[in-house]
Amino acid sequence: MKKIKVVIFDFDGTVADTLPFSFKKFLEIAKLLNIDNLSDKQIINEIRSKSYQELLRGSFKHAWLKLPFIVNVIKNMQVELEKEMENIKFFPGIKKFLFDLKKEGYKLAIISSNRKENIDKFIKFNKLNVFDFVHGKTDLFGKAGYLEKFLKDFNLKKTEVIYIGDEIRDVEACHKVGIKMIGVSWGLHTVEALKKNGVDYIANKPMDIMKIILK
């Protein structure tokens, strides 16, 4: 994979540990949907092991009736998250790894469904001046389109980029675009769920990403 020029990162669950905030909000959504047949732990396990489509066919099937409401709640979550960004931590080893990648000469990008305002605030507060491109938008189902636009705008071949993420929808987007993805074990979806959905590689710690890229 030595043709890689650009390493694209997801933000939540990959670089920034926003998971405690997200899980708290997911449980609030579950209560709004009257999901009372599962414990909080079971709800989190469902969320971590299934895609959004699977949840909407199973435990969260009543959400179809309130989907616009749920999407609006998630948008509001991300507005609320901006107030918390200075308290959000990196996953262990990620910050140093990003600077190491940059020193190796790779271009770094973020393509996330989180708000750009949140990402920019996190980057500024942590003096994380390593990213050449940051895209953020509140859209749960449109990441493939952003990836395609990124390739076109920067005149990149699919073999020249790799995506680092933690969710099943990241895997689906990468498959649709035709780029390779490294799934991280420390994010939202479990390693088993990522493998089941066809992720190309798994990283159990940040330096595993470098080893995969250098293969």
N, C-alpha and C. Protein backbone atom coordinates (compact mmCIF):
# COMPACT_ATOMS: atom_id res chain seq x y z
N MET A 1 0.82 -1.21 0.00
CA MET A 1 0.00 0.00 0.00
C MET A 1 0.86 1.27 0.00
N LYS A 2 2.04 1.19 -0.56
CA LYS A 2 2.96 2.32 -0.50
C LYS A 2 2.57 3.44 -1.46
N LYS A 3 1.49 3.26 -2.21
CA LYS A 3 1.01 4.32 -3.09
C LYS A 3 0.18 5.35 -2.33
N ILE A 4 -0.13 5.07 -1.07
CA ILE A 4 -0.99 5.95 -0.29
C ILE A 4 -0.36 7.33 -0.13
N LYS A 5 -1.14 8.36 -0.51
CA LYS A 5 -0.70 9.74 -0.36
C LYS A 5 -1.49 10.47 0.72
N VAL A 6 -2.77 10.09 0.87
CA VAL A 6 -3.65 10.80 1.80
C VAL A 6 -4.31 9.80 2.74
N VAL A 7 -4.26 10.09 4.03
CA VAL A 7 -4.94 9.27 5.03
C VAL A 7 -6.13 10.09 5.53
N ILE A 8 -7.33 9.54 5.31
CA ILE A 8 -8.57 10.24 5.68
C ILE A 8 -9.10 9.64 6.98
N PHE A 9 -9.38 10.48 7.93
CA PHE A 9 -9.88 10.03 9.22
C PHE A 9 -11.34 10.41 9.43
N ASP A 10 -12.09 9.51 10.03
CA ASP A 10 -13.34 9.88 10.67
C ASP A 10 -12.94 10.64 11.93
N PHE A 11 -13.90 11.32 12.57
CA PHE A 11 -13.57 12.11 13.75
C PHE A 11 -14.06 11.43 15.03
N ASP A 12 -15.37 11.34 15.19
CA ASP A 12 -15.95 10.75 16.40
C ASP A 12 -15.65 9.26 16.46
N GLY A 13 -15.13 8.80 17.58
CA GLY A 13 -14.88 7.37 17.74
C GLY A 13 -13.61 6.88 17.09
N THR A 14 -12.91 7.80 16.42
CA THR A 14 -11.65 7.43 15.76
C THR A 14 -10.51 8.30 16.26
N VAL A 15 -10.69 9.60 16.18
CA VAL A 15 -9.70 10.55 16.72
C VAL A 15 -10.13 11.03 18.10
N ALA A 16 -11.37 11.50 18.20
CA ALA A 16 -11.88 12.08 19.45
C ALA A 16 -12.83 11.12 20.15
N ASP A 17 -12.66 10.98 21.45
CA ASP A 17 -13.51 10.07 22.22
C ASP A 17 -14.80 10.78 22.65
N THR A 18 -15.70 10.92 21.71
CA THR A 18 -17.01 11.50 21.99
C THR A 18 -18.03 10.42 22.38
N LEU A 19 -17.58 9.19 22.52
CA LEU A 19 -18.51 8.08 22.77
C LEU A 19 -19.30 8.22 24.07
N PRO A 20 -18.71 8.62 25.20
CA PRO A 20 -19.53 8.77 26.41
C PRO A 20 -20.69 9.74 26.21
N PHE A 21 -20.42 10.86 25.54
CA PHE A 21 -21.47 11.84 25.24
C PHE A 21 -22.53 11.22 24.34
N SER A 22 -22.08 10.51 23.29
CA SER A 22 -23.02 9.92 22.33
C SER A 22 -23.88 8.84 22.98
N PHE A 23 -23.27 7.97 23.79
CA PHE A 23 -24.04 6.91 24.44
C PHE A 23 -25.12 7.49 25.36
N LYS A 24 -24.77 8.54 26.06
CA LYS A 24 -25.75 9.20 26.93
C LYS A 24 -26.94 9.69 26.11
N LYS A 25 -26.66 10.29 24.97
CA LYS A 25 -27.74 10.81 24.12
C LYS A 25 -28.53 9.69 23.46
N PHE A 26 -27.84 8.59 23.07
CA PHE A 26 -28.54 7.45 22.49
C PHE A 26 -29.55 6.86 23.48
N LEU A 27 -29.16 6.81 24.74
CA LEU A 27 -30.07 6.29 25.77
C LEU A 27 -31.27 7.22 25.96
N GLU A 28 -31.03 8.50 25.82
CA GLU A 28 -32.15 9.46 25.89
C GLU A 28 -33.12 9.24 24.72
N ILE A 29 -32.56 8.98 23.53
CA ILE A 29 -33.39 8.70 22.36
C ILE A 29 -34.20 7.42 22.58
N ALA A 30 -33.54 6.40 23.14
CA ALA A 30 -34.23 5.13 23.40
C ALA A 30 -35.43 5.34 24.33
N LYS A 31 -35.26 6.20 25.32
CA LYS A 31 -36.38 6.48 26.24
C LYS A 31 -37.50 7.20 25.51
N LEU A 32 -37.16 8.12 24.61
CA LEU A 32 -38.16 8.84 23.83
C LEU A 32 -38.94 7.88 22.93
N LEU A 33 -38.27 6.79 22.52
CA LEU A 33 -38.92 5.79 21.67
C LEU A 33 -39.64 4.71 22.48
N ASN A 34 -39.61 4.88 23.81
CA ASN A 34 -40.28 3.93 24.72
C ASN A 34 -39.71 2.52 24.60
N ILE A 35 -38.39 2.43 24.43
CA ILE A 35 -37.74 1.12 24.39
C ILE A 35 -37.47 0.72 25.84
N ASP A 36 -38.41 0.03 26.41
CA ASP A 36 -38.30 -0.31 27.84
C ASP A 36 -38.12 -1.80 28.09
N ASN A 37 -37.95 -2.57 26.99
CA ASN A 37 -37.74 -4.01 27.15
C ASN A 37 -36.26 -4.38 27.21
N LEU A 38 -35.38 -3.36 27.10
CA LEU A 38 -33.94 -3.59 27.16
C LEU A 38 -33.33 -2.71 28.23
N SER A 39 -32.29 -3.23 28.89
CA SER A 39 -31.55 -2.42 29.86
C SER A 39 -30.66 -1.45 29.10
N ASP A 40 -30.11 -0.46 29.83
CA ASP A 40 -29.20 0.50 29.19
C ASP A 40 -28.01 -0.23 28.57
N LYS A 41 -27.48 -1.23 29.28
CA LYS A 41 -26.34 -1.98 28.76
C LYS A 41 -26.70 -2.72 27.48
N GLN A 42 -27.90 -3.30 27.45
CA GLN A 42 -28.34 -4.03 26.25
C GLN A 42 -28.53 -3.07 25.07
N ILE A 43 -29.05 -1.89 25.35
CA ILE A 43 -29.24 -0.90 24.28
C ILE A 43 -27.89 -0.49 23.69
N ILE A 44 -26.91 -0.23 24.55
CA ILE A 44 -25.57 0.13 24.06
C ILE A 44 -24.96 -1.02 23.27
N ASN A 45 -25.14 -2.25 23.72
CA ASN A 45 -24.63 -3.41 22.99
C ASN A 45 -25.27 -3.53 21.62
N GLU A 46 -26.57 -3.25 21.54
CA GLU A 46 -27.28 -3.27 20.25
C GLU A 46 -26.68 -2.22 19.32
N ILE A 47 -26.49 -1.00 19.84
CA ILE A 47 -25.96 0.10 19.03
C ILE A 47 -24.55 -0.20 18.54
N ARG A 48 -23.75 -0.87 19.37
CA ARG A 48 -22.36 -1.13 19.02
C ARG A 48 -22.19 -2.31 18.05
N SER A 49 -23.20 -3.15 17.96
CA SER A 49 -23.05 -4.37 17.16
C SER A 49 -23.87 -4.38 15.87
N LYS A 50 -24.71 -3.35 15.67
CA LYS A 50 -25.60 -3.37 14.50
C LYS A 50 -25.55 -2.04 13.74
N SER A 51 -25.83 -2.13 12.45
CA SER A 51 -25.91 -0.92 11.64
C SER A 51 -27.20 -0.18 11.96
N TYR A 52 -27.28 1.07 11.51
CA TYR A 52 -28.51 1.83 11.73
C TYR A 52 -29.70 1.14 11.07
N GLN A 53 -29.48 0.56 9.89
CA GLN A 53 -30.57 -0.14 9.20
C GLN A 53 -31.05 -1.35 10.00
N GLU A 54 -30.10 -2.09 10.58
CA GLU A 54 -30.46 -3.25 11.39
C GLU A 54 -31.23 -2.83 12.64
N LEU A 55 -30.81 -1.72 13.25
CA LEU A 55 -31.51 -1.23 14.44
C LEU A 55 -32.94 -0.83 14.10
N LEU A 56 -33.10 -0.21 12.93
CA LEU A 56 -34.44 0.24 12.53
C LEU A 56 -35.35 -0.92 12.13
N ARG A 57 -34.74 -2.07 11.85
CA ARG A 57 -35.55 -3.27 11.56
C ARG A 57 -35.81 -4.08 12.82
N GLY A 58 -35.04 -3.80 13.89
CA GLY A 58 -35.16 -4.59 15.11
C GLY A 58 -35.55 -3.78 16.32
N SER A 59 -34.61 -3.60 17.24
CA SER A 59 -34.90 -2.97 18.52
C SER A 59 -35.47 -1.56 18.39
N PHE A 60 -35.04 -0.83 17.34
CA PHE A 60 -35.46 0.55 17.18
C PHE A 60 -36.49 0.70 16.05
N LYS A 61 -37.25 -0.36 15.76
CA LYS A 61 -38.14 -0.32 14.60
C LYS A 61 -39.20 0.77 14.70
N HIS A 62 -39.57 1.14 15.91
CA HIS A 62 -40.56 2.20 16.07
C HIS A 62 -40.01 3.56 15.65
N ALA A 63 -38.69 3.63 15.50
CA ALA A 63 -38.07 4.91 15.12
C ALA A 63 -38.46 5.34 13.72
N TRP A 64 -38.87 4.36 12.86
CA TRP A 64 -39.29 4.73 11.50
C TRP A 64 -40.41 5.77 11.54
N LEU A 65 -41.28 5.64 12.52
CA LEU A 65 -42.42 6.55 12.63
C LEU A 65 -41.98 7.94 13.08
N LYS A 66 -40.77 7.98 13.68
CA LYS A 66 -40.28 9.26 14.21
C LYS A 66 -38.92 9.63 13.63
N LEU A 67 -38.62 9.11 12.44
CA LEU A 67 -37.27 9.29 11.89
C LEU A 67 -36.88 10.76 11.73
N PRO A 68 -37.74 11.63 11.19
CA PRO A 68 -37.35 13.05 11.11
C PRO A 68 -37.05 13.63 12.49
N PHE A 69 -37.82 13.21 13.48
CA PHE A 69 -37.61 13.68 14.85
C PHE A 69 -36.26 13.19 15.37
N ILE A 70 -35.93 11.92 15.11
CA ILE A 70 -34.66 11.35 15.57
C ILE A 70 -33.48 12.06 14.92
N VAL A 71 -33.57 12.30 13.61
CA VAL A 71 -32.50 13.01 12.90
C VAL A 71 -32.31 14.40 13.50
N ASN A 72 -33.43 15.06 13.83
CA ASN A 72 -33.35 16.39 14.43
C ASN A 72 -32.70 16.34 15.81
N VAL A 73 -33.00 15.29 16.58
CA VAL A 73 -32.38 15.11 17.90
C VAL A 73 -30.87 14.97 17.75
N ILE A 74 -30.44 14.19 16.76
CA ILE A 74 -29.00 13.99 16.53
C ILE A 74 -28.32 15.28 16.11
N LYS A 75 -28.98 16.07 15.29
CA LYS A 75 -28.42 17.37 14.91
C LYS A 75 -28.26 18.26 16.15
N ASN A 76 -29.28 18.25 16.99
CA ASN A 76 -29.20 19.04 18.22
C ASN A 76 -28.10 18.53 19.15
N MET A 77 -27.90 17.20 19.14
CA MET A 77 -26.80 16.61 19.91
C MET A 77 -25.47 17.24 19.53
N GLN A 78 -25.28 17.41 18.22
CA GLN A 78 -24.00 17.91 17.74
C GLN A 78 -23.82 19.39 18.05
N VAL A 79 -24.94 20.11 18.11
CA VAL A 79 -24.88 21.51 18.55
C VAL A 79 -24.49 21.57 20.03
N GLU A 80 -25.10 20.69 20.83
CA GLU A 80 -24.76 20.61 22.26
C GLU A 80 -23.30 20.20 22.46
N LEU A 81 -22.82 19.35 21.58
CA LEU A 81 -21.46 18.83 21.71
C LEU A 81 -20.41 19.93 21.61
N GLU A 82 -20.73 20.99 20.87
CA GLU A 82 -19.76 22.08 20.71
C GLU A 82 -19.35 22.65 22.07
N LYS A 83 -20.27 22.68 23.01
CA LYS A 83 -19.98 23.22 24.35
C LYS A 83 -19.02 22.30 25.12
N GLU A 84 -18.94 21.03 24.69
CA GLU A 84 -18.13 20.05 25.41
C GLU A 84 -16.77 19.79 24.78
N MET A 85 -16.50 20.40 23.62
CA MET A 85 -15.33 20.00 22.84
C MET A 85 -14.01 20.18 23.59
N GLU A 86 -13.93 21.18 24.46
CA GLU A 86 -12.68 21.38 25.19
C GLU A 86 -12.45 20.30 26.24
N ASN A 87 -13.49 19.54 26.55
CA ASN A 87 -13.38 18.45 27.53
C ASN A 87 -13.22 17.08 26.87
N ILE A 88 -13.37 17.03 25.55
CA ILE A 88 -13.28 15.75 24.84
C ILE A 88 -11.81 15.34 24.71
N LYS A 89 -11.53 14.09 24.99
CA LYS A 89 -10.16 13.58 24.98
C LYS A 89 -9.84 12.84 23.67
N PHE A 90 -8.55 12.72 23.41
CA PHE A 90 -8.09 11.84 22.33
C PHE A 90 -8.18 10.39 22.81
N PHE A 91 -8.31 9.47 21.88
CA PHE A 91 -8.09 8.07 22.22
C PHE A 91 -6.58 7.89 22.45
N PRO A 92 -6.20 6.97 23.33
CA PRO A 92 -4.78 6.80 23.67
C PRO A 92 -3.88 6.63 22.44
N GLY A 93 -2.84 7.43 22.39
CA GLY A 93 -1.84 7.31 21.34
C GLY A 93 -2.16 8.02 20.03
N ILE A 94 -3.38 8.51 19.88
CA ILE A 94 -3.80 9.07 18.59
C ILE A 94 -3.08 10.39 18.27
N LYS A 95 -2.98 11.28 19.24
CA LYS A 95 -2.40 12.60 18.94
C LYS A 95 -0.96 12.45 18.45
N LYS A 96 -0.14 11.71 19.17
CA LYS A 96 1.25 11.51 18.75
C LYS A 96 1.30 10.83 17.39
N PHE A 97 0.43 9.85 17.18
CA PHE A 97 0.42 9.12 15.91
C PHE A 97 0.13 10.05 14.74
N LEU A 98 -0.80 10.99 14.91
CA LEU A 98 -1.14 11.93 13.84
C LEU A 98 0.08 12.77 13.46
N PHE A 99 0.81 13.24 14.46
CA PHE A 99 2.02 14.01 14.18
C PHE A 99 3.09 13.14 13.52
N ASP A 100 3.17 11.88 13.93
CA ASP A 100 4.13 10.95 13.30
C ASP A 100 3.80 10.73 11.82
N LEU A 101 2.50 10.55 11.54
CA LEU A 101 2.07 10.37 10.15
C LEU A 101 2.44 11.58 9.31
N LYS A 102 2.21 12.76 9.88
CA LYS A 102 2.51 14.00 9.17
C LYS A 102 4.00 14.10 8.87
N LYS A 103 4.83 13.72 9.83
CA LYS A 103 6.28 13.76 9.65
C LYS A 103 6.73 12.81 8.54
N GLU A 104 5.96 11.72 8.34
CA GLU A 104 6.30 10.76 7.30
C GLU A 104 5.93 11.26 5.91
N GLY A 105 5.26 12.42 5.85
CA GLY A 105 4.97 13.03 4.56
C GLY A 105 3.57 12.80 4.01
N TYR A 106 2.70 12.16 4.79
CA TYR A 106 1.34 11.94 4.32
C TYR A 106 0.49 13.19 4.47
N LYS A 107 -0.43 13.39 3.53
CA LYS A 107 -1.46 14.41 3.69
C LYS A 107 -2.54 13.79 4.58
N LEU A 108 -3.10 14.60 5.48
CA LEU A 108 -4.12 14.10 6.40
C LEU A 108 -5.42 14.88 6.21
N ALA A 109 -6.52 14.14 6.28
CA ALA A 109 -7.83 14.77 6.11
C ALA A 109 -8.81 14.19 7.12
N ILE A 110 -9.86 14.96 7.39
CA ILE A 110 -11.00 14.47 8.17
C ILE A 110 -12.24 14.61 7.32
N ILE A 111 -13.00 13.53 7.20
CA ILE A 111 -14.33 13.58 6.58
C ILE A 111 -15.28 12.95 7.57
N SER A 112 -16.14 13.77 8.16
CA SER A 112 -16.98 13.34 9.27
C SER A 112 -18.40 13.86 9.11
N SER A 113 -19.34 13.19 9.76
CA SER A 113 -20.72 13.67 9.77
C SER A 113 -20.96 14.63 10.95
N ASN A 114 -19.93 14.84 11.77
CA ASN A 114 -20.04 15.83 12.83
C ASN A 114 -19.95 17.23 12.22
N ARG A 115 -20.36 18.24 12.97
CA ARG A 115 -20.31 19.61 12.51
C ARG A 115 -18.86 20.08 12.40
N LYS A 116 -18.58 20.82 11.34
CA LYS A 116 -17.21 21.34 11.16
C LYS A 116 -16.83 22.26 12.31
N GLU A 117 -17.80 22.98 12.86
CA GLU A 117 -17.52 23.87 13.99
C GLU A 117 -16.96 23.09 15.18
N ASN A 118 -17.51 21.89 15.42
CA ASN A 118 -17.03 21.07 16.53
C ASN A 118 -15.61 20.57 16.27
N ILE A 119 -15.39 20.10 15.05
CA ILE A 119 -14.07 19.57 14.71
C ILE A 119 -13.01 20.67 14.77
N ASP A 120 -13.33 21.82 14.20
CA ASP A 120 -12.38 22.95 14.21
C ASP A 120 -12.06 23.38 15.63
N LYS A 121 -13.06 23.37 16.50
CA LYS A 121 -12.84 23.77 17.89
C LYS A 121 -11.90 22.79 18.59
N PHE A 122 -12.10 21.50 18.34
CA PHE A 122 -11.24 20.46 18.92
C PHE A 122 -9.80 20.61 18.41
N ILE A 123 -9.66 20.83 17.11
CA ILE A 123 -8.34 20.99 16.51
C ILE A 123 -7.62 22.21 17.08
N LYS A 124 -8.33 23.33 17.17
CA LYS A 124 -7.72 24.56 17.67
C LYS A 124 -7.33 24.42 19.14
N PHE A 125 -8.22 23.88 19.95
CA PHE A 125 -7.95 23.76 21.39
C PHE A 125 -6.76 22.85 21.66
N ASN A 126 -6.61 21.80 20.85
CA ASN A 126 -5.54 20.82 21.05
C ASN A 126 -4.29 21.10 20.21
N LYS A 127 -4.29 22.25 19.51
CA LYS A 127 -3.14 22.63 18.67
C LYS A 127 -2.78 21.49 17.72
N LEU A 128 -3.79 20.95 17.08
CA LEU A 128 -3.63 19.78 16.21
C LEU A 128 -3.51 20.23 14.75
N ASN A 129 -2.46 20.96 14.46
CA ASN A 129 -2.29 21.57 13.14
C ASN A 129 -1.64 20.60 12.15
N VAL A 130 -2.30 19.47 11.95
CA VAL A 130 -1.75 18.44 11.04
C VAL A 130 -2.65 18.17 9.85
N PHE A 131 -3.88 18.64 9.88
CA PHE A 131 -4.84 18.28 8.83
C PHE A 131 -4.81 19.27 7.67
N ASP A 132 -4.73 18.71 6.46
CA ASP A 132 -4.72 19.52 5.25
C ASP A 132 -6.13 19.83 4.77
N PHE A 133 -7.10 19.07 5.25
CA PHE A 133 -8.48 19.23 4.79
C PHE A 133 -9.41 18.72 5.88
N VAL A 134 -10.47 19.48 6.15
CA VAL A 134 -11.48 19.06 7.13
C VAL A 134 -12.86 19.29 6.54
N HIS A 135 -13.63 18.22 6.48
CA HIS A 135 -15.02 18.33 6.04
C HIS A 135 -15.92 17.81 7.14
N GLY A 136 -16.89 18.61 7.55
CA GLY A 136 -17.85 18.18 8.54
C GLY A 136 -19.24 18.63 8.15
N LYS A 137 -20.19 17.73 8.29
CA LYS A 137 -21.58 18.07 7.98
C LYS A 137 -22.49 17.09 8.68
N THR A 138 -23.61 17.59 9.18
CA THR A 138 -24.56 16.72 9.88
C THR A 138 -25.39 15.96 8.86
N ASP A 139 -24.88 14.83 8.44
CA ASP A 139 -25.58 13.99 7.46
C ASP A 139 -25.19 12.54 7.75
N LEU A 140 -26.15 11.77 8.27
CA LEU A 140 -25.84 10.41 8.69
C LEU A 140 -25.63 9.45 7.53
N PHE A 141 -26.14 9.78 6.35
CA PHE A 141 -26.18 8.78 5.29
C PHE A 141 -25.50 9.22 3.99
N GLY A 142 -24.63 10.25 4.05
CA GLY A 142 -24.08 10.76 2.79
C GLY A 142 -22.58 10.76 2.68
N LYS A 143 -21.87 9.96 3.46
CA LYS A 143 -20.41 10.03 3.48
C LYS A 143 -19.79 9.60 2.16
N ALA A 144 -20.40 8.67 1.47
CA ALA A 144 -19.84 8.21 0.18
C ALA A 144 -19.73 9.37 -0.80
N GLY A 145 -20.73 10.20 -0.84
CA GLY A 145 -20.71 11.35 -1.74
C GLY A 145 -19.58 12.31 -1.42
N TYR A 146 -19.30 12.52 -0.14
CA TYR A 146 -18.21 13.40 0.26
C TYR A 146 -16.87 12.81 -0.13
N LEU A 147 -16.74 11.48 0.03
CA LEU A 147 -15.49 10.82 -0.35
C LEU A 147 -15.24 10.93 -1.85
N GLU A 148 -16.29 10.73 -2.64
CA GLU A 148 -16.15 10.85 -4.10
C GLU A 148 -15.75 12.26 -4.50
N LYS A 149 -16.37 13.24 -3.87
CA LYS A 149 -16.05 14.64 -4.18
C LYS A 149 -14.61 14.96 -3.79
N PHE A 150 -14.17 14.42 -2.67
CA PHE A 150 -12.80 14.64 -2.21
C PHE A 150 -11.80 14.12 -3.25
N LEU A 151 -12.03 12.90 -3.72
CA LEU A 151 -11.14 12.32 -4.73
C LEU A 151 -11.10 13.18 -5.99
N LYS A 152 -12.26 13.64 -6.41
CA LYS A 152 -12.36 14.45 -7.63
C LYS A 152 -11.69 15.81 -7.44
N ASP A 153 -11.99 16.47 -6.33
CA ASP A 153 -11.47 17.82 -6.09
C ASP A 153 -9.94 17.85 -6.00
N PHE A 154 -9.37 16.77 -5.46
CA PHE A 154 -7.92 16.74 -5.27
C PHE A 154 -7.22 15.84 -6.29
N ASN A 155 -7.98 15.41 -7.30
CA ASN A 155 -7.42 14.63 -8.41
C ASN A 155 -6.64 13.41 -7.91
N LEU A 156 -7.30 12.65 -7.02
CA LEU A 156 -6.65 11.49 -6.41
C LEU A 156 -7.25 10.19 -6.94
N LYS A 157 -6.40 9.19 -7.11
CA LYS A 157 -6.87 7.86 -7.46
C LYS A 157 -7.36 7.16 -6.19
N LYS A 158 -8.24 6.20 -6.36
CA LYS A 158 -8.76 5.46 -5.21
C LYS A 158 -7.66 4.73 -4.45
N THR A 159 -6.63 4.34 -5.17
CA THR A 159 -5.52 3.61 -4.55
C THR A 159 -4.57 4.53 -3.78
N GLU A 160 -4.78 5.84 -3.89
CA GLU A 160 -3.87 6.79 -3.25
C GLU A 160 -4.39 7.29 -1.90
N VAL A 161 -5.58 6.80 -1.52
CA VAL A 161 -6.14 7.21 -0.23
C VAL A 161 -6.57 5.98 0.57
N ILE A 162 -6.66 6.16 1.87
CA ILE A 162 -7.22 5.12 2.72
C ILE A 162 -8.01 5.81 3.81
N TYR A 163 -9.11 5.20 4.23
CA TYR A 163 -10.00 5.80 5.22
C TYR A 163 -9.86 5.07 6.55
N ILE A 164 -9.82 5.84 7.64
CA ILE A 164 -9.73 5.28 8.99
C ILE A 164 -11.02 5.62 9.72
N GLY A 165 -11.79 4.60 10.12
CA GLY A 165 -13.06 4.87 10.78
C GLY A 165 -13.46 3.78 11.74
N ASP A 166 -14.63 3.99 12.36
CA ASP A 166 -15.05 3.08 13.43
C ASP A 166 -16.48 2.57 13.27
N GLU A 167 -17.15 2.94 12.17
CA GLU A 167 -18.56 2.60 12.04
C GLU A 167 -18.86 1.76 10.81
N ILE A 168 -19.94 1.01 10.90
CA ILE A 168 -20.40 0.21 9.76
C ILE A 168 -20.70 1.09 8.56
N ARG A 169 -21.29 2.25 8.79
CA ARG A 169 -21.61 3.13 7.66
C ARG A 169 -20.35 3.66 6.99
N ASP A 170 -19.22 3.72 7.72
CA ASP A 170 -17.94 4.06 7.09
C ASP A 170 -17.53 2.95 6.12
N VAL A 171 -17.70 1.71 6.57
CA VAL A 171 -17.38 0.56 5.71
C VAL A 171 -18.24 0.60 4.45
N GLU A 172 -19.53 0.84 4.63
CA GLU A 172 -20.45 0.89 3.49
C GLU A 172 -20.09 2.00 2.52
N ALA A 173 -19.72 3.16 3.04
CA ALA A 173 -19.34 4.29 2.18
C ALA A 173 -18.07 3.98 1.39
N CYS A 174 -17.09 3.38 2.06
CA CYS A 174 -15.83 3.04 1.39
C CYS A 174 -16.05 1.99 0.31
N HIS A 175 -16.90 1.01 0.59
CA HIS A 175 -17.23 0.00 -0.42
C HIS A 175 -17.85 0.66 -1.64
N LYS A 176 -18.77 1.58 -1.39
CA LYS A 176 -19.48 2.24 -2.49
C LYS A 176 -18.52 3.04 -3.38
N VAL A 177 -17.55 3.69 -2.75
CA VAL A 177 -16.60 4.52 -3.49
C VAL A 177 -15.47 3.69 -4.09
N GLY A 178 -15.17 2.56 -3.42
CA GLY A 178 -14.09 1.69 -3.91
C GLY A 178 -12.74 2.00 -3.32
N ILE A 179 -12.72 2.49 -2.07
CA ILE A 179 -11.44 2.74 -1.41
C ILE A 179 -11.30 1.80 -0.21
N LYS A 180 -10.08 1.57 0.20
CA LYS A 180 -9.80 0.68 1.33
C LYS A 180 -10.05 1.41 2.65
N MET A 181 -10.42 0.62 3.65
CA MET A 181 -10.68 1.19 4.97
C MET A 181 -10.01 0.37 6.06
N ILE A 182 -9.47 1.09 7.03
CA ILE A 182 -8.97 0.47 8.26
C ILE A 182 -9.97 0.78 9.36
N GLY A 183 -10.53 -0.26 9.95
CA GLY A 183 -11.44 -0.08 11.07
C GLY A 183 -10.67 -0.10 12.38
N VAL A 184 -11.04 0.79 13.29
CA VAL A 184 -10.34 0.84 14.58
C VAL A 184 -11.16 0.11 15.64
N SER A 185 -10.46 -0.55 16.54
CA SER A 185 -11.14 -1.38 17.55
C SER A 185 -11.64 -0.57 18.73
N TRP A 186 -11.27 0.72 18.81
CA TRP A 186 -11.60 1.51 19.99
C TRP A 186 -12.84 2.41 19.78
N GLY A 187 -13.54 2.26 18.66
CA GLY A 187 -14.64 3.17 18.35
C GLY A 187 -16.03 2.64 18.65
N LEU A 188 -17.01 3.15 17.92
CA LEU A 188 -18.42 2.83 18.18
C LEU A 188 -18.74 1.36 17.93
N HIS A 189 -18.48 0.88 16.72
CA HIS A 189 -18.87 -0.48 16.40
C HIS A 189 -17.77 -1.49 16.76
N THR A 190 -18.20 -2.65 17.15
CA THR A 190 -17.27 -3.69 17.58
C THR A 190 -16.46 -4.21 16.38
N VAL A 191 -15.33 -4.82 16.68
CA VAL A 191 -14.50 -5.42 15.64
C VAL A 191 -15.31 -6.46 14.87
N GLU A 192 -16.10 -7.27 15.59
CA GLU A 192 -16.92 -8.30 14.95
C GLU A 192 -17.90 -7.69 13.96
N ALA A 193 -18.52 -6.57 14.34
CA ALA A 193 -19.49 -5.92 13.45
C ALA A 193 -18.80 -5.35 12.22
N LEU A 194 -17.63 -4.77 12.41
CA LEU A 194 -16.88 -4.22 11.27
C LEU A 194 -16.46 -5.32 10.31
N LYS A 195 -15.95 -6.44 10.87
CA LYS A 195 -15.54 -7.56 10.02
C LYS A 195 -16.72 -8.17 9.28
N LYS A 196 -17.83 -8.30 9.98
CA LYS A 196 -19.04 -8.87 9.36
C LYS A 196 -19.47 -8.05 8.14
N ASN A 197 -19.24 -6.75 8.19
CA ASN A 197 -19.65 -5.87 7.10
C ASN A 197 -18.55 -5.61 6.08
N GLY A 198 -17.43 -6.34 6.23
CA GLY A 198 -16.42 -6.35 5.17
C GLY A 198 -15.33 -5.31 5.24
N VAL A 199 -15.01 -4.83 6.46
CA VAL A 199 -13.89 -3.89 6.57
C VAL A 199 -12.61 -4.55 6.07
N ASP A 200 -11.73 -3.77 5.46
CA ASP A 200 -10.52 -4.33 4.85
C ASP A 200 -9.46 -4.71 5.88
N TYR A 201 -9.28 -3.86 6.89
CA TYR A 201 -8.25 -4.09 7.90
C TYR A 201 -8.78 -3.66 9.26
N ILE A 202 -8.16 -4.18 10.31
CA ILE A 202 -8.48 -3.78 11.68
C ILE A 202 -7.19 -3.30 12.37
N ALA A 203 -7.30 -2.15 13.05
CA ALA A 203 -6.19 -1.65 13.86
C ALA A 203 -6.60 -1.69 15.33
N ASN A 204 -5.78 -2.35 16.14
CA ASN A 204 -6.07 -2.44 17.57
C ASN A 204 -5.37 -1.33 18.36
N LYS A 205 -4.42 -0.68 17.73
CA LYS A 205 -3.77 0.49 18.32
C LYS A 205 -3.30 1.38 17.17
N PRO A 206 -3.11 2.68 17.44
CA PRO A 206 -2.78 3.60 16.34
C PRO A 206 -1.62 3.16 15.46
N MET A 207 -0.54 2.63 16.05
CA MET A 207 0.62 2.27 15.23
C MET A 207 0.32 1.13 14.26
N ASP A 208 -0.75 0.36 14.52
CA ASP A 208 -1.15 -0.67 13.56
C ASP A 208 -1.52 -0.04 12.21
N ILE A 209 -2.06 1.18 12.27
CA ILE A 209 -2.44 1.88 11.03
C ILE A 209 -1.21 2.10 10.17
N MET A 210 -0.12 2.54 10.80
CA MET A 210 1.13 2.79 10.06
C MET A 210 1.64 1.50 9.44
N LYS A 211 1.57 0.40 10.18
CA LYS A 211 2.06 -0.88 9.66
C LYS A 211 1.26 -1.31 8.44
N ILE A 212 -0.06 -1.09 8.49
CA ILE A 212 -0.93 -1.48 7.37
C ILE A 212 -0.62 -0.62 6.15
N ILE A 213 -0.46 0.69 6.35
CA ILE A 213 -0.17 1.59 5.25
C ILE A 213 1.15 1.27 4.58
N LEU A 214 2.13 0.84 5.37
CA LEU A 214 3.47 0.59 4.85
C LEU A 214 3.65 -0.79 4.25
N LYS A 215 2.62 -1.63 4.31
CA LYS A 215 2.73 -3.00 3.76
C LYS A 215 3.08 -2.96 2.27
